[in-house]
C-alpha atoms as a PDB file:
ATOM      1  CA  MET A   1       0.093  -0.039  -0.384  1.00  0.00           C
ATOM      2  CA  SER A   2       1.495   3.563  -1.019  1.00  0.00           C
ATOM      3  CA  PHE A   3       0.102   6.714   0.251  1.00  0.00           C
ATOM      4  CA  ARG A   4       0.179  10.394  -0.978  1.00  0.00           C
ATOM      5  CA  TRP A   5       1.129  13.467   0.644  1.00  0.00           C
ATOM      6  CA  LYS A   6      -1.609  15.851   1.196  1.00  0.00           C
ATOM      7  CA  LYS A   7      -1.728  19.236   2.701  1.00  0.00           C
ATOM      8  CA  LYS A   8      -5.561  18.541   3.780  1.00  0.00           C
ATOM      9  CA  THR A   9      -5.865  17.954   7.199  1.00  0.00           C
ATOM     10  CA  PRO A  10      -6.897  14.973   8.534  1.00  0.00           C
ATOM     11  CA  THR A  11     -10.995  15.196   9.393  1.00  0.00           C
ATOM     12  CA  ARG A  12     -11.112  11.518  11.335  1.00  0.00           C
ATOM     13  CA  PRO A  13      -9.121   9.646  14.084  1.00  0.00           C
ATOM     14  CA  GLY A  14      -6.509   7.378  13.432  1.00  0.00           C
ATOM     15  CA  TRP A  15      -2.663   6.888  12.947  1.00  0.00           C
ATOM     16  CA  TYR A  16      -1.372   9.169   9.999  1.00  0.00           C
ATOM     17  CA  TRP A  17       1.920   9.908   8.438  1.00  0.00           C
ATOM     18  CA  LEU A  18       3.157  14.451   8.821  1.00  0.00           C
ATOM     19  CA  ARG A  19       6.032  15.532   7.582  1.00  0.00           C
ATOM     20  CA  THR A  20       6.506  19.490   8.337  1.00  0.00           C
ATOM     21  CA  LYS A  21       9.535  21.529   7.516  1.00  0.00           C
ATOM     22  CA  LYS A  22      10.805  21.101  11.005  1.00  0.00           C
ATOM     23  CA  GLY A  23      12.082  17.166  10.321  1.00  0.00           C
ATOM     24  CA  ASP A  24      11.756  13.818   9.057  1.00  0.00           C
ATOM     25  CA  PRO A  25       7.848  12.572   8.854  1.00  0.00           C
ATOM     26  CA  GLN A  26       6.831  10.490  11.478  1.00  0.00           C
ATOM     27  CA  ILE A  27       3.804   8.409  12.182  1.00  0.00           C
ATOM     28  CA  VAL A  28       1.295  10.216  15.123  1.00  0.00           C
ATOM     29  CA  GLU A  29      -1.704   9.620  15.830  1.00  0.00           C
ATOM     30  CA  ILE A  30      -4.851  11.697  15.708  1.00  0.00           C
ATOM     31  CA  VAL A  31      -7.213  11.186  18.319  1.00  0.00           C
ATOM     32  CA  GLU A  32     -10.917  12.754  19.139  1.00  0.00           C
ATOM     33  CA  ALA A  33     -11.263  14.520  22.437  1.00  0.00           C
ATOM     34  CA  GLU A  34     -14.236  17.279  23.283  1.00  0.00           C
ATOM     35  CA  TYR A  35     -15.852  17.389  19.695  1.00  0.00           C
ATOM     36  CA  ARG A  36     -12.274  18.416  18.151  1.00  0.00           C
ATOM     37  CA  LEU A  37      -9.153  16.317  16.721  1.00  0.00           C
ATOM     38  CA  LEU A  38      -6.063  16.572  18.575  1.00  0.00           C
ATOM     39  CA  ILE A  39      -2.433  14.844  17.545  1.00  0.00           C
ATOM     40  CA  GLN A  40      -1.348  12.358  20.225  1.00  0.00           C
ATOM     41  CA  ILE A  41       2.425  13.103  20.936  1.00  0.00           C
ATOM     42  CA  ARG A  42       3.911  10.733  22.557  1.00  0.00           C
ATOM     43  CA  HIS A  43       7.429  12.171  24.891  1.00  0.00           C
ATOM     44  CA  ASP A  44       9.172   9.627  27.146  1.00  0.00           C
ATOM     45  CA  TYR A  45       6.735   6.643  28.244  1.00  0.00           C
ATOM     46  CA  PRO A  46       4.245   7.128  29.322  1.00  0.00           C
ATOM     47  CA  GLU A  47       4.151  10.979  29.837  1.00  0.00           C
ATOM     48  CA  VAL A  48       1.974  12.367  26.766  1.00  0.00           C
ATOM     49  CA  SER A  49       0.478  15.734  25.228  1.00  0.00           C
ATOM     50  CA  PHE A  50      -2.383  16.658  22.849  1.00  0.00           C
ATOM     51  CA  VAL A  51      -1.864  19.238  20.078  1.00  0.00           C
ATOM     52  CA  ASP A  52      -4.863  21.060  18.564  1.00  0.00           C
ATOM     53  CA  LEU A  53      -4.744  19.382  14.841  1.00  0.00           C
ATOM     54  CA  GLU A  54      -5.725  23.266  13.675  1.00  0.00           C
ATOM     55  CA  GLY A  55      -2.405  24.481  15.125  1.00  0.00           C
ATOM     56  CA  ILE A  56      -0.094  22.139  12.341  1.00  0.00           C
ATOM     57  CA  ASN A  57       1.351  23.128   9.355  1.00  0.00           C
ATOM     58  CA  GLY A  58       2.355  20.211   7.374  1.00  0.00           C
ATOM     59  CA  GLN A  59       1.582  17.467   4.935  1.00  0.00           C
ATOM     60  CA  TRP A  60      -0.122  14.311   5.549  1.00  0.00           C
ATOM     61  CA  ALA A  61      -0.697  10.858   4.592  1.00  0.00           C
ATOM     62  CA  GLY A  62      -2.819   8.382   5.895  1.00  0.00           C
ATOM     63  CA  PRO A  63      -4.756   7.182   7.764  1.00  0.00           C
ATOM     64  CA  VAL A  64      -2.919   4.056   7.979  1.00  0.00           C
ATOM     65  CA  PRO A  65      -4.943   0.976   8.242  1.00  0.00           C
ATOM     66  CA  GLU A  66      -4.053  -2.058  11.026  1.00  0.00           C
ATOM     67  CA  PRO A  67      -2.436  -5.021  10.103  1.00  0.00           C
ATOM     68  CA  GLU A  68      -4.546  -7.783   8.978  1.00  0.00           C
ATOM     69  CA  GLU A  69      -3.993 -11.113  11.127  1.00  0.00           C
END
């Protein structure tokens, strides 16, 4: 399966590739909380923080599907 980079911000929860000007592409989890979408960022396990999706300027690819058994 291949993905294409898009500037359109994701509209549903899931795992996505994110590419910004600040660094290498990374996989991030988008979660729904209080009627909005947030990016869940893991710093040092178990520490987690959330960033509003609207504040992220980058390119997206996904969602990444779950593997089949």
